[in-house]
N, C-alpha and C. Protein backbone atom coordinates (compact mmCIF):
# COMPACT_ATOMS: atom_id res chain seq x y z
N UNK A 1 20.99 74.88 149.82
CA UNK A 1 21.85 74.18 148.73
C UNK A 1 22.93 73.71 149.08
N UNK A 2 23.80 72.60 149.00
CA UNK A 2 24.74 72.24 149.45
C UNK A 2 25.82 72.72 148.35
N UNK A 3 27.23 73.40 149.09
CA UNK A 3 28.13 73.93 148.30
C UNK A 3 28.55 72.65 147.71
N UNK A 4 29.47 73.24 146.49
CA UNK A 4 30.31 72.30 145.76
C UNK A 4 31.51 72.00 146.59
N UNK A 5 31.96 70.52 146.80
CA UNK A 5 32.97 70.58 147.82
C UNK A 5 34.35 70.70 146.94
N UNK A 6 35.55 71.31 147.69
CA UNK A 6 36.72 71.70 147.09
C UNK A 6 37.37 70.57 146.50
N UNK A 7 37.99 70.73 144.97
CA UNK A 7 38.78 69.81 144.94
C UNK A 7 40.07 69.31 145.82
N UNK A 8 39.93 67.96 146.07
CA UNK A 8 41.36 67.68 146.98
C UNK A 8 42.91 67.91 146.15
N UNK A 9 43.56 69.03 146.72
CA UNK A 9 45.15 68.70 146.00
C UNK A 9 45.89 67.69 147.36
N UNK A 10 46.83 66.81 146.19
CA UNK A 10 47.47 65.80 147.18
C UNK A 10 48.53 66.75 147.66
N UNK A 11 49.12 66.28 148.98
CA UNK A 11 50.01 67.29 149.72
C UNK A 11 51.48 67.53 148.81
N UNK A 12 51.54 66.58 148.39
CA UNK A 12 52.78 66.84 147.46
C UNK A 12 53.03 67.58 146.54
N UNK A 13 51.89 67.42 145.88
CA UNK A 13 51.58 68.51 144.48
C UNK A 13 51.65 69.70 145.03
N UNK A 14 50.91 70.10 146.04
CA UNK A 14 50.90 71.43 146.52
C UNK A 14 51.89 72.05 147.19
N UNK A 15 52.72 71.12 147.84
CA UNK A 15 54.07 71.59 148.54
C UNK A 15 54.91 71.74 146.93
N UNK A 16 55.10 70.99 145.98
CA UNK A 16 55.83 71.09 144.80
C UNK A 16 55.65 72.21 144.26
N UNK A 17 54.40 72.67 143.80
CA UNK A 17 53.41 73.85 143.47
C UNK A 17 54.29 75.05 144.10
N UNK A 18 54.30 75.15 145.25
CA UNK A 18 54.56 75.88 146.18
C UNK A 18 56.35 76.24 145.68
N UNK A 19 57.26 75.40 145.71
CA UNK A 19 58.57 75.49 145.71
C UNK A 19 58.71 75.70 144.03
N UNK A 20 57.52 74.96 143.29
CA UNK A 20 58.34 75.45 141.84
C UNK A 20 57.99 77.11 141.25
N UNK A 21 57.19 77.60 142.22
CA UNK A 21 56.87 78.98 141.84
C UNK A 21 57.90 79.92 142.35
N UNK A 22 58.37 79.45 143.56
CA UNK A 22 59.39 80.37 144.08
C UNK A 22 60.72 80.22 143.45
N UNK A 23 61.12 78.75 142.61
CA UNK A 23 62.44 78.61 142.25
C UNK A 23 62.32 79.36 140.63
N UNK A 24 61.11 79.54 140.23
CA UNK A 24 61.23 80.30 138.79
C UNK A 24 61.65 81.70 138.86
N UNK A 25 61.23 82.48 139.76
CA UNK A 25 61.54 83.84 140.54
C UNK A 25 62.88 83.55 140.79
N UNK A 26 63.36 82.78 141.72
CA UNK A 26 64.94 82.92 142.20
C UNK A 26 65.54 82.69 141.30
N UNK A 27 65.67 81.93 140.28
CA UNK A 27 66.35 81.50 139.35
C UNK A 27 67.22 82.73 138.50
N UNK A 28 66.24 83.24 138.47
CA UNK A 28 66.95 84.66 137.29
C UNK A 28 67.52 85.49 138.31
N UNK A 29 67.34 85.92 139.59
CA UNK A 29 68.37 86.57 140.29
C UNK A 29 69.63 86.00 140.60
N UNK A 30 69.54 84.92 141.18
CA UNK A 30 70.72 84.20 141.20
C UNK A 30 71.61 83.96 140.17
N UNK A 31 70.95 84.08 138.67
CA UNK A 31 71.77 83.86 137.76
C UNK A 31 72.88 84.90 137.67
N UNK A 32 72.60 86.03 138.15
CA UNK A 32 73.58 87.32 138.03
C UNK A 32 74.92 86.94 138.73
N UNK A 33 74.98 85.95 139.18
CA UNK A 33 76.71 85.60 139.81
C UNK A 33 76.86 84.34 139.02
N UNK A 34 78.06 84.43 138.67
CA UNK A 34 78.90 83.64 138.17
C UNK A 34 79.42 82.72 139.11
N UNK A 35 79.34 81.20 139.20
CA UNK A 35 79.90 80.57 139.96
C UNK A 35 80.94 79.97 139.55
N UNK A 36 82.44 79.57 140.41
CA UNK A 36 83.42 78.81 140.01
C UNK A 36 83.07 77.25 140.53
N UNK A 37 83.15 76.29 139.70
CA UNK A 37 82.95 74.72 140.30
C UNK A 37 84.21 73.94 139.83
N UNK A 38 85.11 74.51 140.50
CA UNK A 38 86.64 74.00 139.88
C UNK A 38 86.59 73.92 138.50
N UNK A 39 87.04 73.63 137.65
CA UNK A 39 87.39 74.14 135.96
C UNK A 39 85.81 74.76 135.69
N UNK A 40 84.94 74.54 136.08
CA UNK A 40 83.64 74.61 135.39
C UNK A 40 83.27 76.04 136.05
N UNK A 41 82.75 76.93 134.93
CA UNK A 41 82.01 78.25 135.27
C UNK A 41 80.65 78.33 134.91
N UNK A 42 79.64 78.55 135.78
CA UNK A 42 78.30 78.46 135.46
C UNK A 42 77.55 79.68 136.01
N UNK A 43 76.28 80.34 135.62
CA UNK A 43 75.66 81.09 136.39
C UNK A 43 74.92 80.03 137.36
N UNK A 44 74.78 80.99 138.54
CA UNK A 44 74.05 80.33 139.87
C UNK A 44 72.85 79.80 139.91
N UNK A 45 72.25 80.65 138.94
CA UNK A 45 70.89 80.05 138.76
C UNK A 45 70.61 78.76 138.10
N UNK A 46 71.23 78.04 138.03
CA UNK A 46 71.35 76.73 137.63
C UNK A 46 70.98 75.78 138.96
N UNK A 47 71.47 76.33 139.86
CA UNK A 47 71.01 75.29 141.02
C UNK A 47 69.44 75.77 141.25
N UNK A 48 68.70 76.79 140.95
CA UNK A 48 67.03 76.88 141.05
C UNK A 48 66.78 76.33 139.84
N UNK A 49 67.25 76.12 138.94
CA UNK A 49 66.88 75.80 137.61
C UNK A 49 66.73 74.16 137.67
N UNK A 50 68.20 73.60 137.90
CA UNK A 50 68.13 72.13 138.46
C UNK A 50 66.99 71.58 139.04
N UNK A 51 66.19 72.50 140.35
CA UNK A 51 65.16 72.14 141.05
C UNK A 51 64.14 72.32 140.25
N UNK A 52 63.88 73.31 139.49
CA UNK A 52 62.56 72.96 138.51
C UNK A 52 62.49 71.90 137.88
N UNK A 53 63.83 71.42 137.29
CA UNK A 53 63.73 70.21 136.47
C UNK A 53 63.42 69.07 137.36
N UNK A 54 63.88 69.04 138.74
CA UNK A 54 63.84 67.75 139.53
C UNK A 54 61.90 68.02 139.70
N UNK A 55 61.54 69.06 140.28
CA UNK A 55 60.11 68.97 140.90
C UNK A 55 59.26 68.41 139.43
N UNK A 56 59.57 69.19 138.33
CA UNK A 56 58.43 68.80 137.21
C UNK A 56 58.72 67.34 136.96
N UNK A 57 60.13 66.67 137.02
CA UNK A 57 60.10 65.24 136.92
C UNK A 57 59.65 64.23 138.07
N UNK A 58 59.62 64.66 139.15
CA UNK A 58 59.07 64.23 140.31
C UNK A 58 57.40 64.31 140.09
N UNK A 59 57.06 65.47 139.70
CA UNK A 59 55.57 65.64 139.34
C UNK A 59 54.99 64.53 138.28
N UNK A 60 55.79 64.71 137.34
CA UNK A 60 55.48 63.60 136.08
C UNK A 60 55.73 61.98 136.39
N UNK A 61 56.38 61.90 137.65
CA UNK A 61 56.63 60.44 137.84
C UNK A 61 55.43 59.92 138.95
N UNK A 62 54.99 60.80 139.84
CA UNK A 62 53.88 60.44 140.70
C UNK A 62 52.79 60.83 139.89
N UNK A 63 52.26 61.92 139.27
CA UNK A 63 51.04 62.15 138.83
C UNK A 63 50.79 62.01 137.27
N UNK A 64 52.18 62.14 136.47
CA UNK A 64 51.90 61.88 135.02
C UNK A 64 52.08 63.19 134.27
N UNK A 65 52.54 63.12 133.00
CA UNK A 65 53.02 64.07 132.21
C UNK A 65 52.03 65.15 132.28
N UNK A 66 50.68 64.91 132.20
CA UNK A 66 49.86 66.09 132.01
C UNK A 66 49.95 67.08 133.62
N UNK A 67 50.05 66.48 134.53
CA UNK A 67 50.00 67.35 135.50
C UNK A 67 51.32 68.09 135.56
N UNK A 68 52.58 67.44 135.00
CA UNK A 68 53.99 67.91 135.19
C UNK A 68 53.84 69.17 134.19
N UNK A 69 53.17 69.00 132.82
CA UNK A 69 52.84 70.32 132.05
C UNK A 69 52.39 71.33 132.59
N UNK A 70 51.37 70.94 133.13
CA UNK A 70 50.56 72.13 134.05
C UNK A 70 51.16 72.93 134.77
N UNK A 71 51.99 71.99 135.59
CA UNK A 71 53.03 72.57 136.65
C UNK A 71 53.96 73.95 135.86
N UNK A 72 54.60 73.10 135.00
CA UNK A 72 55.51 74.44 134.03
C UNK A 72 54.51 75.50 133.62
N UNK A 73 53.36 75.10 132.97
CA UNK A 73 52.79 76.36 132.48
C UNK A 73 52.44 77.39 133.34
N UNK A 74 51.95 76.91 134.57
CA UNK A 74 51.55 77.48 135.80
C UNK A 74 52.73 78.48 136.24
N UNK A 75 53.93 77.73 136.04
CA UNK A 75 55.08 78.55 136.29
C UNK A 75 55.38 80.06 135.85
N UNK A 76 54.57 79.86 134.34
CA UNK A 76 54.95 81.10 133.76
C UNK A 76 54.31 82.48 135.14
N UNK A 77 53.14 81.85 135.59
CA UNK A 77 52.68 83.25 136.25
C UNK A 77 53.58 83.85 137.33
N UNK A 78 54.20 83.36 138.22
CA UNK A 78 54.81 83.87 139.11
C UNK A 78 56.12 84.32 138.50
N UNK A 79 56.63 83.78 137.27
CA UNK A 79 57.92 84.47 136.53
C UNK A 79 57.55 85.82 135.94
N UNK A 80 56.28 85.95 135.29
CA UNK A 80 55.86 87.10 134.50
C UNK A 80 55.66 88.14 135.79
N UNK A 81 55.11 87.64 136.62
CA UNK A 81 54.58 88.61 137.87
C UNK A 81 55.85 89.14 138.36
N UNK A 82 56.68 88.75 138.71
CA UNK A 82 57.94 89.03 139.09
C UNK A 82 58.50 90.12 138.53
N UNK A 83 58.55 89.62 137.10
CA UNK A 83 59.02 90.59 136.07
C UNK A 83 58.33 92.00 136.07
N UNK A 84 57.17 91.89 136.19
CA UNK A 84 56.30 93.29 136.10
C UNK A 84 56.62 94.06 137.38
N UNK A 85 56.54 93.31 138.46
CA UNK A 85 56.76 93.97 140.06
C UNK A 85 58.23 94.77 139.59
N UNK A 86 59.28 94.10 139.26
CA UNK A 86 60.55 94.36 139.09
C UNK A 86 60.48 95.95 138.21
N UNK A 87 59.90 95.58 137.11
CA UNK A 87 60.29 97.00 136.24
C UNK A 87 58.96 97.88 137.01
N UNK A 88 58.05 97.71 137.91
CA UNK A 88 57.44 98.67 138.59
C UNK A 88 58.50 99.36 139.56
N UNK A 89 59.13 98.52 140.10
CA UNK A 89 59.95 98.99 141.37
C UNK A 89 61.23 99.98 140.49
N UNK A 90 61.59 99.32 139.31
CA UNK A 90 62.65 100.21 138.77
C UNK A 90 62.16 101.53 138.28
N UNK A 91 60.82 101.55 137.91
CA UNK A 91 60.39 102.87 137.66
C UNK A 91 60.15 103.93 138.92
N UNK A 92 59.63 103.34 139.52
CA UNK A 92 59.35 104.41 140.95
C UNK A 92 60.87 105.10 141.22
N UNK A 93 60.65 106.29 141.49
CA UNK A 93 61.96 107.16 141.93
C UNK A 93 62.28 106.58 143.26
N UNK A 94 63.65 106.38 143.51
CA UNK A 94 64.28 106.02 144.65
C UNK A 94 64.39 107.31 145.49
N UNK A 95 64.39 106.77 146.98
CA UNK A 95 64.49 107.75 148.04
C UNK A 95 65.69 108.63 148.04
N UNK A 96 65.90 109.87 147.96
CA UNK A 96 66.74 110.42 148.09
C UNK A 96 67.93 110.00 149.42
N UNK A 97 67.50 109.28 150.33
CA UNK A 97 68.08 108.82 151.59
C UNK A 97 68.68 107.61 151.27
N UNK A 98 68.60 107.02 149.93
CA UNK A 98 68.92 105.65 149.69
C UNK A 98 70.54 105.96 149.32
N UNK A 99 71.49 105.20 149.97
CA UNK A 99 72.93 104.97 149.50
C UNK A 99 73.04 104.85 147.91
N UNK A 100 73.92 105.78 147.43
CA UNK A 100 74.46 105.55 146.03
C UNK A 100 74.56 104.02 145.77
N UNK A 101 75.55 103.60 146.36
CA UNK A 101 75.95 102.26 146.07
C UNK A 101 75.09 101.53 146.22
N UNK A 102 73.76 101.17 147.20
CA UNK A 102 72.75 100.26 147.25
C UNK A 102 72.00 100.45 145.95
N UNK A 103 71.64 101.91 145.61
CA UNK A 103 70.68 102.02 144.27
C UNK A 103 71.51 101.38 143.25
N UNK A 104 72.68 101.62 142.92
CA UNK A 104 73.34 101.00 141.55
C UNK A 104 73.52 99.80 141.73
N UNK A 105 73.63 99.03 142.79
CA UNK A 105 73.83 97.58 142.77
C UNK A 105 72.48 97.19 142.47
N UNK A 106 71.12 97.58 143.11
CA UNK A 106 70.08 97.40 142.72
C UNK A 106 69.62 97.33 141.44
N UNK A 107 69.94 98.43 140.82
CA UNK A 107 69.58 98.89 139.18
C UNK A 107 70.38 97.79 138.53
N UNK A 108 71.73 97.22 138.75
CA UNK A 108 72.54 96.42 138.15
C UNK A 108 72.11 94.99 138.02
N UNK A 109 71.72 94.58 139.38
CA UNK A 109 71.22 93.37 139.25
C UNK A 109 69.59 93.09 138.79
N UNK A 110 68.91 93.70 138.86
CA UNK A 110 67.35 93.75 138.48
C UNK A 110 67.35 94.45 137.06
N UNK A 111 67.98 95.30 136.63
CA UNK A 111 67.78 96.08 135.23
C UNK A 111 68.18 95.14 134.04
N UNK A 112 67.49 94.17 134.08
CA UNK A 112 67.91 93.15 132.77
C UNK A 112 67.40 94.00 131.37
N UNK A 113 68.07 93.56 130.32
CA UNK A 113 67.69 94.08 129.10
C UNK A 113 66.47 93.44 128.70
N UNK A 114 65.76 93.77 127.76
CA UNK A 114 64.50 93.07 126.95
C UNK A 114 65.28 91.64 126.22
N UNK A 115 66.36 91.73 126.05
CA UNK A 115 66.60 90.31 125.22
C UNK A 115 66.92 89.44 126.38
N UNK A 116 67.41 89.78 127.15
CA UNK A 116 67.85 88.84 128.59
C UNK A 116 66.28 88.29 129.10
N UNK A 117 65.69 89.00 129.24
CA UNK A 117 64.44 88.79 129.88
C UNK A 117 63.52 87.87 128.90
N UNK A 118 63.45 88.10 127.37
CA UNK A 118 62.66 87.36 126.49
C UNK A 118 63.60 86.26 126.26
N UNK A 119 64.77 85.84 126.48
CA UNK A 119 65.78 84.68 126.34
C UNK A 119 65.45 83.78 127.35
N UNK A 120 65.26 84.29 128.70
CA UNK A 120 64.79 83.64 129.92
C UNK A 120 63.47 82.96 129.77
N UNK A 121 62.37 83.76 129.23
CA UNK A 121 61.25 83.27 129.58
C UNK A 121 61.29 82.31 128.39
N UNK A 122 61.70 82.28 127.30
CA UNK A 122 61.75 81.52 126.09
C UNK A 122 62.43 79.94 126.59
N UNK A 123 63.73 80.13 126.94
CA UNK A 123 64.30 78.82 127.17
C UNK A 123 63.40 78.34 128.27
N UNK A 124 63.15 78.92 129.48
CA UNK A 124 62.02 78.45 130.32
C UNK A 124 61.08 77.29 130.08
N UNK A 125 60.42 77.91 129.17
CA UNK A 125 59.22 77.12 128.73
C UNK A 125 59.56 75.99 128.04
N UNK A 126 60.60 76.34 126.75
CA UNK A 126 60.78 75.14 125.94
C UNK A 126 61.45 74.07 126.56
N UNK A 127 62.51 74.55 127.48
CA UNK A 127 63.32 73.40 128.05
C UNK A 127 62.62 72.63 129.22
N UNK A 128 61.72 73.02 130.06
CA UNK A 128 61.03 72.78 130.75
C UNK A 128 60.07 71.47 130.40
N UNK A 129 59.12 72.09 129.29
CA UNK A 129 58.38 71.16 128.59
C UNK A 129 59.01 69.98 127.85
N UNK A 130 60.38 70.53 127.37
CA UNK A 130 61.01 69.33 126.52
C UNK A 130 61.47 68.24 127.86
N UNK A 131 61.96 68.67 128.93
CA UNK A 131 62.32 67.70 130.17
C UNK A 131 61.04 66.91 130.40
N UNK A 132 60.00 67.41 130.70
CA UNK A 132 58.51 66.65 130.73
C UNK A 132 58.56 65.69 129.61
N UNK A 133 58.58 66.28 128.81
CA UNK A 133 58.58 65.09 127.27
C UNK A 133 59.36 63.93 127.35
N UNK A 134 60.29 64.40 127.77
CA UNK A 134 61.64 63.34 127.46
C UNK A 134 61.45 61.96 128.73
N UNK A 135 61.29 62.88 129.73
CA UNK A 135 61.42 61.81 131.08
C UNK A 135 60.13 61.21 130.86
N UNK A 136 58.97 61.62 130.53
CA UNK A 136 57.77 60.59 130.24
C UNK A 136 57.81 59.56 129.40
N UNK A 137 58.56 59.79 128.23
CA UNK A 137 59.12 59.31 126.97
C UNK A 137 59.65 57.98 127.55
N UNK A 138 60.87 58.27 128.23
CA UNK A 138 61.57 57.21 128.62
C UNK A 138 60.86 56.07 129.59
N UNK A 139 60.06 56.58 130.49
CA UNK A 139 58.86 56.08 131.41
C UNK A 139 57.89 55.25 130.84
N UNK A 140 57.50 55.58 129.63
CA UNK A 140 56.66 54.80 128.78
C UNK A 140 57.10 53.88 128.08
N UNK A 141 58.69 53.98 127.85
CA UNK A 141 59.22 52.67 127.07
C UNK A 141 59.77 51.39 128.05
N UNK A 142 59.12 51.71 129.29
CA UNK A 142 59.36 50.68 130.07
C UNK A 142 60.52 50.87 131.15
N UNK A 143 61.26 52.33 131.24
CA UNK A 143 62.44 52.54 132.01
C UNK A 143 61.97 52.65 133.36
N UNK A 144 62.96 51.63 134.22
CA UNK A 144 62.62 51.62 135.74
C UNK A 144 63.61 52.38 136.43
N UNK A 145 64.57 52.90 135.79
CA UNK A 145 65.71 53.75 136.21
C UNK A 145 65.67 55.14 136.24
N UNK A 146 64.79 55.52 137.66
CA UNK A 146 64.42 56.99 137.75
C UNK A 146 65.56 57.59 137.84
N UNK A 147 66.61 57.31 138.22
CA UNK A 147 67.76 58.34 138.27
C UNK A 147 68.41 58.44 136.92
N UNK A 148 68.62 57.43 135.90
CA UNK A 148 68.77 57.61 134.70
C UNK A 148 67.85 58.56 133.75
N UNK A 149 66.60 58.28 133.65
CA UNK A 149 65.76 58.89 133.19
C UNK A 149 65.58 60.47 133.44
N UNK A 150 65.98 60.68 134.84
CA UNK A 150 65.47 62.15 135.27
C UNK A 150 67.23 62.83 134.69
N UNK A 151 68.09 62.23 134.97
CA UNK A 151 69.52 62.50 134.65
C UNK A 151 69.28 62.74 133.19
N UNK A 152 69.00 62.01 132.33
CA UNK A 152 69.30 62.16 131.00
C UNK A 152 68.16 63.38 130.48
N UNK A 153 67.01 63.24 130.57
CA UNK A 153 66.16 64.22 130.65
C UNK A 153 66.61 65.62 130.89
N UNK A 154 67.11 65.94 132.02
CA UNK A 154 67.73 67.14 132.53
C UNK A 154 68.95 67.58 131.86
N UNK A 155 69.78 66.64 131.54
CA UNK A 155 71.27 67.00 130.58
C UNK A 155 70.78 67.39 129.06
N UNK A 156 69.57 66.89 128.65
CA UNK A 156 69.29 67.15 127.20
C UNK A 156 68.24 68.85 127.39
N UNK A 157 67.50 68.57 128.06
CA UNK A 157 66.76 69.86 128.21
C UNK A 157 67.66 71.11 128.60
N UNK A 158 68.81 70.59 129.46
CA UNK A 158 69.64 71.97 129.65
C UNK A 158 70.67 72.34 128.60
N UNK A 159 70.80 71.45 127.78
CA UNK A 159 71.73 71.87 126.54
C UNK A 159 70.81 72.74 125.61
N UNK A 160 69.63 72.41 125.64
CA UNK A 160 68.51 73.35 124.81
C UNK A 160 68.29 74.32 125.38
N UNK A 161 68.31 74.42 126.76
CA UNK A 161 67.97 75.80 127.57
C UNK A 161 69.14 76.96 127.51
N UNK A 162 70.66 76.11 127.28
CA UNK A 162 71.39 76.96 127.17
C UNK A 162 71.46 77.71 125.74
N UNK A 163 71.47 76.51 124.89
CA UNK A 163 71.27 77.02 123.19
C UNK A 163 70.39 78.26 123.05
N UNK A 164 69.21 78.03 123.41
CA UNK A 164 68.02 78.80 123.27
C UNK A 164 68.61 80.49 124.23
N UNK A 165 68.90 80.60 125.28
CA UNK A 165 69.12 81.58 126.08
C UNK A 165 70.48 82.19 125.73
N UNK A 166 71.61 81.76 125.58
CA UNK A 166 72.64 82.54 125.08
C UNK A 166 72.36 83.25 123.85
N UNK A 167 71.80 82.46 122.78
CA UNK A 167 71.73 82.83 121.55
C UNK A 167 70.62 83.91 121.37
N UNK A 168 69.55 83.66 122.01
CA UNK A 168 68.50 85.07 121.97
C UNK A 168 68.93 86.39 122.87
N UNK A 169 69.78 86.21 123.75
CA UNK A 169 70.42 87.17 124.64
C UNK A 169 71.80 87.75 124.20
N UNK A 170 72.82 86.94 123.56
CA UNK A 170 73.89 87.39 123.18
C UNK A 170 74.00 87.45 122.09
N UNK A 171 73.60 86.71 120.94
CA UNK A 171 74.01 86.74 119.65
C UNK A 171 74.14 88.02 118.88
N UNK A 172 75.14 88.41 118.45
CA UNK A 172 75.36 89.67 117.94
C UNK A 172 76.16 90.59 118.66
N UNK A 173 75.97 90.11 120.03
CA UNK A 173 76.58 91.28 121.12
C UNK A 173 78.20 90.67 121.05
N UNK A 174 78.54 89.54 121.14
CA UNK A 174 80.07 88.86 121.15
C UNK A 174 79.73 87.25 120.78
N UNK A 175 81.03 86.77 120.37
CA UNK A 175 81.19 85.45 120.07
C UNK A 175 80.67 84.39 121.06
N UNK A 176 79.28 83.79 120.71
CA UNK A 176 78.95 83.13 122.07
C UNK A 176 79.48 81.58 121.77
N UNK A 177 80.36 81.12 120.65
CA UNK A 177 80.77 80.14 121.06
C UNK A 177 81.24 79.28 122.07
N UNK A 178 82.23 79.76 122.68
CA UNK A 178 82.95 79.39 123.79
C UNK A 178 82.16 79.51 124.89
N UNK A 179 81.05 80.34 125.15
CA UNK A 179 80.15 80.55 126.14
C UNK A 179 79.28 79.40 126.12
N UNK A 180 78.82 79.13 124.73
CA UNK A 180 77.66 77.89 124.42
C UNK A 180 78.47 76.87 125.10
N UNK A 181 79.71 76.32 124.64
CA UNK A 181 80.65 75.27 125.01
C UNK A 181 80.46 74.98 126.47
N UNK A 182 81.12 75.99 127.14
CA UNK A 182 81.42 75.84 128.56
C UNK A 182 80.01 75.77 129.34
N UNK A 183 79.01 76.58 128.97
CA UNK A 183 77.94 76.38 129.61
C UNK A 183 77.36 75.05 129.63
N UNK A 184 76.93 74.48 128.45
CA UNK A 184 76.74 72.98 128.07
C UNK A 184 77.29 72.14 128.93
N UNK A 185 78.69 72.22 128.87
CA UNK A 185 79.45 70.97 129.55
C UNK A 185 79.18 70.87 131.26
N UNK A 186 79.16 72.57 131.72
CA UNK A 186 78.99 72.51 133.06
C UNK A 186 77.59 72.03 133.49
N UNK A 187 76.49 72.43 132.55
CA UNK A 187 75.03 72.01 132.94
C UNK A 187 74.64 70.24 133.28
N UNK A 188 75.75 70.17 131.92
CA UNK A 188 75.49 68.63 131.87
C UNK A 188 76.19 67.55 133.10
N UNK A 189 77.07 68.23 133.19
CA UNK A 189 77.85 67.34 134.69
C UNK A 189 77.29 67.80 135.54
N UNK A 190 76.25 68.82 136.17
CA UNK A 190 75.76 69.01 137.04
C UNK A 190 74.38 68.54 137.24
N UNK A 191 73.78 68.26 135.97
CA UNK A 191 72.63 67.16 135.81
C UNK A 191 72.99 65.96 136.03
N UNK A 192 73.99 65.47 135.89
CA UNK A 192 74.40 64.13 136.23
C UNK A 192 74.94 63.73 137.68
N UNK A 193 75.17 65.03 138.08
CA UNK A 193 75.79 64.99 139.67
C UNK A 193 74.53 65.06 140.56
N UNK A 194 73.74 66.09 140.31
CA UNK A 194 72.83 66.60 141.49
C UNK A 194 71.25 66.18 140.89
N UNK A 195 70.96 65.85 139.98
CA UNK A 195 69.59 65.27 139.62
C UNK A 195 69.45 63.88 140.14
N UNK A 196 69.92 62.88 139.84
CA UNK A 196 69.80 61.53 140.50
C UNK A 196 69.15 61.60 141.84
N UNK A 197 70.41 62.20 142.82
CA UNK A 197 69.86 61.96 144.21
C UNK A 197 68.66 62.80 144.53
N UNK A 198 68.63 63.89 143.96
CA UNK A 198 67.65 64.99 143.98
C UNK A 198 66.31 64.38 143.78
N UNK A 199 65.84 63.29 142.85
CA UNK A 199 64.82 63.12 142.16
C UNK A 199 64.50 62.11 143.04
N UNK A 200 65.22 61.19 143.20
CA UNK A 200 64.90 59.95 144.30
C UNK A 200 64.36 60.72 145.74
N UNK A 201 64.98 61.90 146.14
CA UNK A 201 64.64 62.67 147.36
C UNK A 201 63.07 63.06 147.36
N UNK A 202 62.87 63.74 146.06
CA UNK A 202 61.53 64.23 146.13
C UNK A 202 60.16 63.41 145.91
N UNK A 203 60.61 62.38 145.02
CA UNK A 203 59.83 61.14 144.73
C UNK A 203 59.44 60.64 145.88
N UNK A 204 60.27 60.42 146.69
CA UNK A 204 60.03 59.68 148.31
C UNK A 204 59.40 60.47 148.99
N UNK A 205 59.62 61.76 149.37
CA UNK A 205 59.06 63.11 150.02
C UNK A 205 57.36 62.89 149.67
N UNK A 206 57.40 62.90 148.04
CA UNK A 206 55.79 63.27 147.80
C UNK A 206 55.25 61.92 148.32
N UNK A 207 55.52 60.65 147.96
CA UNK A 207 54.75 59.42 148.31
C UNK A 207 54.50 59.44 149.98
N UNK A 208 55.62 59.88 150.66
CA UNK A 208 55.48 59.69 152.13
C UNK A 208 54.54 61.11 152.64
N UNK A 209 54.27 61.96 151.80
CA UNK A 209 53.48 62.96 152.15
C UNK A 209 52.13 62.42 152.01
N UNK A 210 51.81 62.10 150.81
CA UNK A 210 50.48 61.59 150.34
C UNK A 210 50.04 60.05 151.13
N UNK A 211 50.76 59.55 151.12
CA UNK A 211 50.36 58.02 152.43
C UNK A 211 50.02 58.80 153.55
N UNK A 212 50.49 60.00 154.27
CA UNK A 212 50.18 60.53 155.66
C UNK A 212 48.84 61.16 155.36
N UNK A 213 48.76 61.80 154.10
CA UNK A 213 47.21 62.43 154.12
C UNK A 213 45.99 61.83 154.22
């Protein structure tokens, strides 16, 4: 009896999925640093998150909205798995030989509150699916300016991401108005500056990989 042939996955989609899974995990870790970009202050996780936006948009451009949405939904797997492993690691007693300073730093960076984790999960899912939806809708309307479609979708999804995360994580803890305004401005500016060149880079890379396949 002949075995059923394995489905063929385009090289670009395979690469995008690998990068996407890694960025979902890394974004939360990098977000512990506040980066100063001139007058703007933003959590460093935005760089990994913008790569998520670019990868999902590039997938939508090359393979359609459905494939991009699946990429976003599968991204929950490494995200939730990493959170479970972090929780397990924090629960395991530390070796008495571990330096107290290193242990304290580890606990501080990775010991996020339930509100922060919930905010991250919800903001990720909603904003990434919204990015794919906006990008695909602009494409259906006949938009040929890839950089404009990607930048606009990224900027709008980043505003929603910030609104959801900051509200869920910090509402009632301190006044969130100034934080919301500053973060939204910073993310919109970064979306306008970084997303357009990156989307051309990844779409071009994807097409080249698949032509060689």
